[in-house]
Amino acid sequence: MNFDFPEVSPAVYDEVRQRVLGEIRRQRKARNAVRMMAAAAACAVLVVTGLLALRQPAAAPAPPMLARVPGGPPVVVRASPMRHRRANRQRAAPAQPLLVRLETDDPNVVILWIVD
């Protein structure tokens, strides 16, 4: 098969090439703008995180004062950690052992079972 297409002038090729290159430049500019915004946002996050990390902790509140002697040094009370005590469980011993009576089919045989 022989196709006879008309010859396209080089100016048409140049025009198409310029449009494609212009499209590529626009996409590249948009991508670079997104990258720059992402980098700026990451830097802002790092700066804020660094400032929060370097911030001095708040001063601890003064311990409570119970009494003060005029002209004497202040009395400082230091809180000791609380200790929880368990109540001692006393097992109530049964007053008498449990007796189980098992009767069998034979009236002359009775089984007595003592459980502590």
C-alpha atoms as a PDB file:
ATOM      1  CA  MET A   1       0.000   0.000   0.000  1.00  0.00           C
ATOM      2  CA  ASN A   2       1.229   3.307  -0.907  1.00  0.00           C
ATOM      3  CA  PHE A   3      -0.154   6.332   0.933  1.00  0.00           C
ATOM      4  CA  ASP A   4       0.292   9.704  -0.626  1.00  0.00           C
ATOM      5  CA  PHE A   5       0.215  12.182   2.238  1.00  0.00           C
ATOM      6  CA  PRO A   6       0.828  15.796   1.475  1.00  0.00           C
ATOM      7  CA  GLU A   7       4.172  17.131   2.617  1.00  0.00           C
ATOM      8  CA  VAL A   8       3.999  19.203   5.811  1.00  0.00           C
ATOM      9  CA  SER A   9       6.050  22.350   5.890  1.00  0.00           C
ATOM     10  CA  PRO A  10       8.799  22.700   8.502  1.00  0.00           C
ATOM     11  CA  ALA A  11       6.981  25.745   9.958  1.00  0.00           C
ATOM     12  CA  VAL A  12       4.098  23.498  11.057  1.00  0.00           C
ATOM     13  CA  TYR A  13       6.549  21.157  12.785  1.00  0.00           C
ATOM     14  CA  ASP A  14       8.136  24.147  14.540  1.00  0.00           C
ATOM     15  CA  GLU A  15       4.721  25.384  15.688  1.00  0.00           C
ATOM     16  CA  VAL A  16       3.769  21.978  17.148  1.00  0.00           C
ATOM     17  CA  ARG A  17       7.180  21.666  18.804  1.00  0.00           C
ATOM     18  CA  GLN A  18       6.807  25.115  20.413  1.00  0.00           C
ATOM     19  CA  ARG A  19       3.330  24.264  21.770  1.00  0.00           C
ATOM     20  CA  VAL A  20       4.557  20.973  23.274  1.00  0.00           C
ATOM     21  CA  LEU A  21       7.598  22.625  24.845  1.00  0.00           C
ATOM     22  CA  GLY A  22       5.380  25.412  26.253  1.00  0.00           C
ATOM     23  CA  GLU A  23       3.079  22.794  27.813  1.00  0.00           C
ATOM     24  CA  ILE A  24       6.060  21.007  29.343  1.00  0.00           C
ATOM     25  CA  ARG A  25       7.380  24.302  30.788  1.00  0.00           C
ATOM     26  CA  ARG A  26       3.988  25.121  32.373  1.00  0.00           C
ATOM     27  CA  GLN A  27       3.777  21.672  33.990  1.00  0.00           C
ATOM     28  CA  ARG A  28       7.350  21.964  35.224  1.00  0.00           C
ATOM     29  CA  LYS A  29       6.640  25.387  36.771  1.00  0.00           C
ATOM     30  CA  ALA A  30       3.547  24.032  38.535  1.00  0.00           C
ATOM     31  CA  ARG A  31       5.494  21.047  39.889  1.00  0.00           C
ATOM     32  CA  ASN A  32       8.313  23.292  41.105  1.00  0.00           C
ATOM     33  CA  ALA A  33       5.823  25.593  42.842  1.00  0.00           C
ATOM     34  CA  VAL A  34       4.272  22.616  44.679  1.00  0.00           C
ATOM     35  CA  ARG A  35       7.738  21.402  45.705  1.00  0.00           C
ATOM     36  CA  MET A  36       8.675  24.838  47.017  1.00  0.00           C
ATOM     37  CA  MET A  37       5.459  25.086  49.044  1.00  0.00           C
ATOM     38  CA  ALA A  38       6.023  21.629  50.530  1.00  0.00           C
ATOM     39  CA  ALA A  39       9.615  22.530  51.454  1.00  0.00           C
ATOM     40  CA  ALA A  40       8.476  25.802  53.055  1.00  0.00           C
ATOM     41  CA  ALA A  41       5.789  23.972  55.056  1.00  0.00           C
ATOM     42  CA  ALA A  42       8.337  21.380  56.245  1.00  0.00           C
ATOM     43  CA  CYS A  43      10.712  24.155  57.340  1.00  0.00           C
ATOM     44  CA  ALA A  44       7.904  25.893  59.224  1.00  0.00           C
ATOM     45  CA  VAL A  45       7.042  22.649  61.026  1.00  0.00           C
ATOM     46  CA  LEU A  46      10.701  22.142  61.988  1.00  0.00           C
ATOM     47  CA  VAL A  47      11.006  25.692  63.313  1.00  0.00           C
ATOM     48  CA  VAL A  48       7.841  25.429  65.404  1.00  0.00           C
ATOM     49  CA  THR A  49       8.891  22.010  66.750  1.00  0.00           C
ATOM     50  CA  GLY A  50      12.344  23.337  67.623  1.00  0.00           C
ATOM     51  CA  LEU A  51      10.915  26.343  69.426  1.00  0.00           C
ATOM     52  CA  LEU A  52       8.573  24.136  71.425  1.00  0.00           C
ATOM     53  CA  ALA A  53      11.454  21.815  72.344  1.00  0.00           C
ATOM     54  CA  LEU A  54      13.654  24.691  73.506  1.00  0.00           C
ATOM     55  CA  ARG A  55      10.937  26.301  75.588  1.00  0.00           C
ATOM     56  CA  GLN A  56      11.816  26.312  79.271  1.00  0.00           C
ATOM     57  CA  PRO A  57       9.614  24.134  81.503  1.00  0.00           C
ATOM     58  CA  ALA A  58       7.375  25.944  83.954  1.00  0.00           C
ATOM     59  CA  ALA A  59       8.744  26.393  87.458  1.00  0.00           C
ATOM     60  CA  ALA A  60       7.518  23.831  89.976  1.00  0.00           C
ATOM     61  CA  PRO A  61       5.056  25.238  92.513  1.00  0.00           C
ATOM     62  CA  ALA A  62       6.394  25.933  95.979  1.00  0.00           C
ATOM     63  CA  PRO A  63       5.668  23.249  98.566  1.00  0.00           C
ATOM     64  CA  PRO A  64       2.796  24.021 100.932  1.00  0.00           C
ATOM     65  CA  MET A  65       3.597  25.838 104.168  1.00  0.00           C
ATOM     66  CA  LEU A  66       1.861  24.573 107.300  1.00  0.00           C
ATOM     67  CA  ALA A  67       3.128  27.079 109.827  1.00  0.00           C
ATOM     68  CA  ARG A  68       5.621  29.862 110.072  1.00  0.00           C
ATOM     69  CA  VAL A  69       7.528  30.942 113.117  1.00  0.00           C
ATOM     70  CA  PRO A  70       8.023  34.709 113.313  1.00  0.00           C
ATOM     71  CA  GLY A  71      11.657  35.510 112.683  1.00  0.00           C
ATOM     72  CA  GLY A  72      12.587  31.880 111.963  1.00  0.00           C
ATOM     73  CA  PRO A  73      13.233  29.915 108.821  1.00  0.00           C
ATOM     74  CA  PRO A  74      10.196  28.778 106.867  1.00  0.00           C
ATOM     75  CA  VAL A  75       8.911  25.287 107.509  1.00  0.00           C
ATOM     76  CA  VAL A  76       8.904  23.175 104.387  1.00  0.00           C
ATOM     77  CA  VAL A  77       6.790  20.044 104.258  1.00  0.00           C
ATOM     78  CA  ARG A  78       7.905  17.368 101.859  1.00  0.00           C
ATOM     79  CA  ALA A  79       5.235  15.004 100.686  1.00  0.00           C
ATOM     80  CA  SER A  80       6.132  11.350 100.955  1.00  0.00           C
ATOM     81  CA  PRO A  81       4.720   8.818  98.525  1.00  0.00           C
ATOM     82  CA  MET A  82       1.523   7.163  99.685  1.00  0.00           C
ATOM     83  CA  ARG A  83       1.666   3.506 100.471  1.00  0.00           C
ATOM     84  CA  HIS A  84      -1.391   1.398 100.092  1.00  0.00           C
ATOM     85  CA  ARG A  85      -1.703  -1.386 102.592  1.00  0.00           C
ATOM     86  CA  ARG A  86      -3.609  -4.521 101.935  1.00  0.00           C
ATOM     87  CA  ALA A  87      -6.003  -5.706 104.528  1.00  0.00           C
ATOM     88  CA  ASN A  88      -4.987  -9.038 106.007  1.00  0.00           C
ATOM     89  CA  ARG A  89      -7.479 -11.641 104.972  1.00  0.00           C
ATOM     90  CA  GLN A  90      -8.200 -14.131 107.636  1.00  0.00           C
ATOM     91  CA  ARG A  91      -9.670 -17.352 106.456  1.00  0.00           C
ATOM     92  CA  ALA A  92     -12.469 -18.461 108.602  1.00  0.00           C
ATOM     93  CA  ALA A  93     -11.756 -22.015 109.592  1.00  0.00           C
ATOM     94  CA  PRO A  94     -14.840 -24.204 109.400  1.00  0.00           C
ATOM     95  CA  ALA A  95     -16.184 -25.080 112.805  1.00  0.00           C
ATOM     96  CA  GLN A  96     -16.467 -28.741 111.866  1.00  0.00           C
ATOM     97  CA  PRO A  97     -15.444 -30.698 108.766  1.00  0.00           C
ATOM     98  CA  LEU A  98     -18.014 -31.250 106.045  1.00  0.00           C
ATOM     99  CA  LEU A  99     -19.533 -34.733 106.125  1.00  0.00           C
ATOM    100  CA  VAL A 100     -20.947 -36.223 102.935  1.00  0.00           C
ATOM    101  CA  ARG A 101     -23.053 -39.350 103.218  1.00  0.00           C
ATOM    102  CA  LEU A 102     -23.328 -41.538 100.085  1.00  0.00           C
ATOM    103  CA  GLU A 103     -25.921 -44.282 100.109  1.00  0.00           C
ATOM    104  CA  THR A 104     -25.664 -47.202  97.728  1.00  0.00           C
ATOM    105  CA  ASP A 105     -28.191 -49.730  96.410  1.00  0.00           C
ATOM    106  CA  ASP A 106     -27.195 -52.118  99.170  1.00  0.00           C
ATOM    107  CA  PRO A 107     -28.689 -50.828 102.459  1.00  0.00           C
ATOM    108  CA  ASN A 108     -25.812 -52.399 104.412  1.00  0.00           C
ATOM    109  CA  VAL A 109     -23.193 -50.230 102.589  1.00  0.00           C
ATOM    110  CA  VAL A 110     -23.015 -46.504 103.413  1.00  0.00           C
ATOM    111  CA  ILE A 111     -20.025 -44.355 102.411  1.00  0.00           C
ATOM    112  CA  LEU A 112     -19.112 -41.470 104.707  1.00  0.00           C
ATOM    113  CA  TRP A 113     -16.843 -38.870 103.136  1.00  0.00           C
ATOM    114  CA  ILE A 114     -15.211 -36.213 105.354  1.00  0.00           C
ATOM    115  CA  VAL A 115     -14.046 -33.059 103.536  1.00  0.00           C
ATOM    116  CA  ASP A 116     -11.665 -30.595 105.178  1.00  0.00           C
END
